[in-house]
Amino acid sequence: MQLKSKMTFDEMARHLVATTGKIANRVSVGKHAKALGYKVYKPMINGKIIHFYLKEEKQDSQTEN
């Protein structure tokens, strides 16, 4: 499975199982995502909280003087 910049909980859980063989639960998937550099984003959609994992692109921040 290929990593994307925005992944759902289910996609990240499938990646965890495919790469490590561990059992996927909310904690293990979150730790795996954090180790890969993702941050959790939990919006409420239609009254339910949905877990997304976002990986921000690193940008060169140069200040203008």
N, C-alpha and C. Protein backbone atom coordinates (compact mmCIF):
# COMPACT_ATOMS: atom_id res chain seq x y z
N MET A 1 0.84 -1.17 0.00
CA MET A 1 0.00 0.00 0.00
C MET A 1 0.89 1.24 0.00
N GLN A 2 0.49 2.21 -0.77
CA GLN A 2 1.28 3.44 -0.90
C GLN A 2 0.75 4.50 0.08
N LEU A 3 1.67 5.21 0.68
CA LEU A 3 1.29 6.27 1.61
C LEU A 3 0.90 7.52 0.84
N LYS A 4 -0.15 8.20 1.33
CA LYS A 4 -0.62 9.44 0.72
C LYS A 4 -0.50 10.56 1.75
N SER A 5 -0.72 11.79 1.31
CA SER A 5 -0.61 12.90 2.25
C SER A 5 -1.81 12.97 3.19
N LYS A 6 -2.97 12.42 2.78
CA LYS A 6 -4.15 12.36 3.64
C LYS A 6 -4.69 10.94 3.59
N MET A 7 -4.72 10.29 4.75
CA MET A 7 -5.18 8.90 4.82
C MET A 7 -6.24 8.76 5.90
N THR A 8 -7.21 7.91 5.66
CA THR A 8 -8.23 7.62 6.66
C THR A 8 -7.68 6.61 7.65
N PHE A 9 -8.42 6.39 8.71
CA PHE A 9 -8.02 5.41 9.72
C PHE A 9 -7.91 4.02 9.09
N ASP A 10 -8.89 3.65 8.26
CA ASP A 10 -8.88 2.31 7.65
C ASP A 10 -7.68 2.11 6.73
N GLU A 11 -7.33 3.13 5.96
CA GLU A 11 -6.17 3.02 5.08
C GLU A 11 -4.89 2.87 5.88
N MET A 12 -4.76 3.65 6.95
CA MET A 12 -3.57 3.57 7.78
C MET A 12 -3.51 2.23 8.51
N ALA A 13 -4.66 1.70 8.91
CA ALA A 13 -4.71 0.40 9.58
C ALA A 13 -4.26 -0.70 8.62
N ARG A 14 -4.70 -0.65 7.36
CA ARG A 14 -4.27 -1.64 6.37
C ARG A 14 -2.76 -1.55 6.14
N HIS A 15 -2.22 -0.33 6.12
CA HIS A 15 -0.78 -0.16 5.94
C HIS A 15 -0.02 -0.73 7.14
N LEU A 16 -0.53 -0.52 8.34
CA LEU A 16 0.10 -1.06 9.55
C LEU A 16 0.16 -2.58 9.49
N VAL A 17 -0.95 -3.22 9.16
CA VAL A 17 -1.00 -4.68 9.12
C VAL A 17 -0.09 -5.21 8.01
N ALA A 18 -0.07 -4.54 6.87
CA ALA A 18 0.73 -5.01 5.74
C ALA A 18 2.23 -4.88 6.00
N THR A 19 2.65 -3.84 6.71
CA THR A 19 4.07 -3.61 6.90
C THR A 19 4.63 -4.24 8.17
N THR A 20 3.83 -4.29 9.24
CA THR A 20 4.37 -4.79 10.50
C THR A 20 3.75 -6.11 10.95
N GLY A 21 2.54 -6.40 10.52
CA GLY A 21 1.87 -7.62 10.96
C GLY A 21 1.19 -7.48 12.31
N LYS A 22 1.21 -6.28 12.89
CA LYS A 22 0.57 -6.05 14.19
C LYS A 22 -0.95 -5.98 14.02
N ILE A 23 -1.65 -6.18 15.11
CA ILE A 23 -3.10 -6.04 15.12
C ILE A 23 -3.43 -4.55 15.15
N ALA A 24 -4.35 -4.14 14.28
CA ALA A 24 -4.69 -2.73 14.16
C ALA A 24 -5.78 -2.36 15.16
N ASN A 25 -5.47 -1.43 16.05
CA ASN A 25 -6.47 -0.80 16.90
C ASN A 25 -6.18 0.69 16.89
N ARG A 26 -6.98 1.46 17.57
CA ARG A 26 -6.86 2.91 17.49
C ARG A 26 -5.50 3.40 17.98
N VAL A 27 -4.98 2.79 19.03
CA VAL A 27 -3.71 3.22 19.61
C VAL A 27 -2.53 2.81 18.72
N SER A 28 -2.52 1.57 18.27
CA SER A 28 -1.38 1.12 17.46
C SER A 28 -1.33 1.83 16.12
N VAL A 29 -2.49 2.10 15.53
CA VAL A 29 -2.52 2.84 14.26
C VAL A 29 -2.05 4.27 14.47
N GLY A 30 -2.45 4.89 15.55
CA GLY A 30 -2.02 6.26 15.85
C GLY A 30 -0.52 6.36 16.08
N LYS A 31 0.04 5.40 16.80
CA LYS A 31 1.50 5.39 17.04
C LYS A 31 2.26 5.16 15.74
N HIS A 32 1.73 4.29 14.88
CA HIS A 32 2.37 4.01 13.59
C HIS A 32 2.34 5.27 12.72
N ALA A 33 1.20 5.94 12.69
CA ALA A 33 1.08 7.17 11.89
C ALA A 33 2.03 8.25 12.41
N LYS A 34 2.12 8.39 13.71
CA LYS A 34 3.02 9.39 14.30
C LYS A 34 4.47 9.08 13.97
N ALA A 35 4.82 7.81 13.99
CA ALA A 35 6.19 7.41 13.65
C ALA A 35 6.53 7.71 12.20
N LEU A 36 5.52 7.70 11.33
CA LEU A 36 5.72 8.00 9.92
C LEU A 36 5.65 9.50 9.63
N GLY A 37 5.36 10.32 10.64
CA GLY A 37 5.34 11.76 10.46
C GLY A 37 3.97 12.34 10.20
N TYR A 38 2.92 11.60 10.47
CA TYR A 38 1.56 12.07 10.27
C TYR A 38 1.03 12.71 11.54
N LYS A 39 0.05 13.60 11.36
CA LYS A 39 -0.66 14.20 12.49
C LYS A 39 -2.13 13.84 12.37
N VAL A 40 -2.78 13.68 13.51
CA VAL A 40 -4.18 13.28 13.50
C VAL A 40 -5.07 14.50 13.27
N TYR A 41 -6.15 14.29 12.51
CA TYR A 41 -7.15 15.32 12.25
C TYR A 41 -8.50 14.65 12.43
N LYS A 42 -9.30 15.13 13.40
CA LYS A 42 -10.54 14.46 13.74
C LYS A 42 -11.73 15.40 13.56
N PRO A 43 -12.21 15.58 12.33
CA PRO A 43 -13.39 16.42 12.13
C PRO A 43 -14.66 15.65 12.46
N MET A 44 -15.71 16.39 12.82
CA MET A 44 -17.01 15.77 13.04
C MET A 44 -17.81 15.92 11.75
N ILE A 45 -18.17 14.81 11.15
CA ILE A 45 -18.93 14.79 9.90
C ILE A 45 -20.21 14.04 10.15
N ASN A 46 -21.33 14.72 9.96
CA ASN A 46 -22.66 14.14 10.18
C ASN A 46 -22.82 13.56 11.58
N GLY A 47 -22.29 14.25 12.58
CA GLY A 47 -22.43 13.83 13.96
C GLY A 47 -21.48 12.73 14.40
N LYS A 48 -20.53 12.34 13.56
CA LYS A 48 -19.57 11.31 13.91
C LYS A 48 -18.15 11.86 13.75
N ILE A 49 -17.28 11.51 14.68
CA ILE A 49 -15.88 11.92 14.58
C ILE A 49 -15.15 10.91 13.70
N ILE A 50 -14.51 11.41 12.65
CA ILE A 50 -13.79 10.58 11.70
C ILE A 50 -12.30 10.87 11.85
N HIS A 51 -11.48 9.83 11.91
CA HIS A 51 -10.04 10.00 12.05
C HIS A 51 -9.37 10.07 10.68
N PHE A 52 -8.61 11.12 10.47
CA PHE A 52 -7.76 11.26 9.29
C PHE A 52 -6.34 11.47 9.78
N TYR A 53 -5.40 11.08 8.97
CA TYR A 53 -4.00 11.32 9.26
C TYR A 53 -3.43 12.16 8.14
N LEU A 54 -2.84 13.31 8.50
CA LEU A 54 -2.32 14.26 7.52
C LEU A 54 -0.81 14.36 7.64
N LYS A 55 -0.17 14.39 6.48
CA LYS A 55 1.27 14.59 6.45
C LYS A 55 1.52 15.84 5.64
N GLU A 56 2.05 16.85 6.32
CA GLU A 56 2.30 18.13 5.66
C GLU A 56 3.60 18.06 4.90
N GLU A 57 3.60 18.66 3.73
CA GLU A 57 4.82 18.76 2.93
C GLU A 57 5.75 19.74 3.61
N LYS A 58 7.02 19.40 3.68
CA LYS A 58 7.98 20.33 4.27
C LYS A 58 8.28 21.41 3.25
N GLN A 59 8.15 22.65 3.69
CA GLN A 59 8.39 23.79 2.81
C GLN A 59 9.56 24.58 3.34
N ASP A 60 10.35 25.12 2.43
CA ASP A 60 11.45 25.99 2.84
C ASP A 60 10.87 27.35 3.16
N SER A 61 10.95 27.72 4.42
CA SER A 61 10.40 29.02 4.83
C SER A 61 11.54 30.03 4.84
N GLN A 62 11.49 30.94 3.91
CA GLN A 62 12.50 32.00 3.85
C GLN A 62 11.81 33.31 4.17
N THR A 63 12.39 34.05 5.06
CA THR A 63 11.82 35.33 5.44
C THR A 63 12.33 36.41 4.51
N GLU A 64 11.44 37.32 4.19
CA GLU A 64 11.82 38.43 3.32
C GLU A 64 12.23 39.62 4.21
N ASN A 65 13.36 40.20 3.94
CA ASN A 65 13.85 41.35 4.72
C ASN A 65 13.78 42.58 3.90
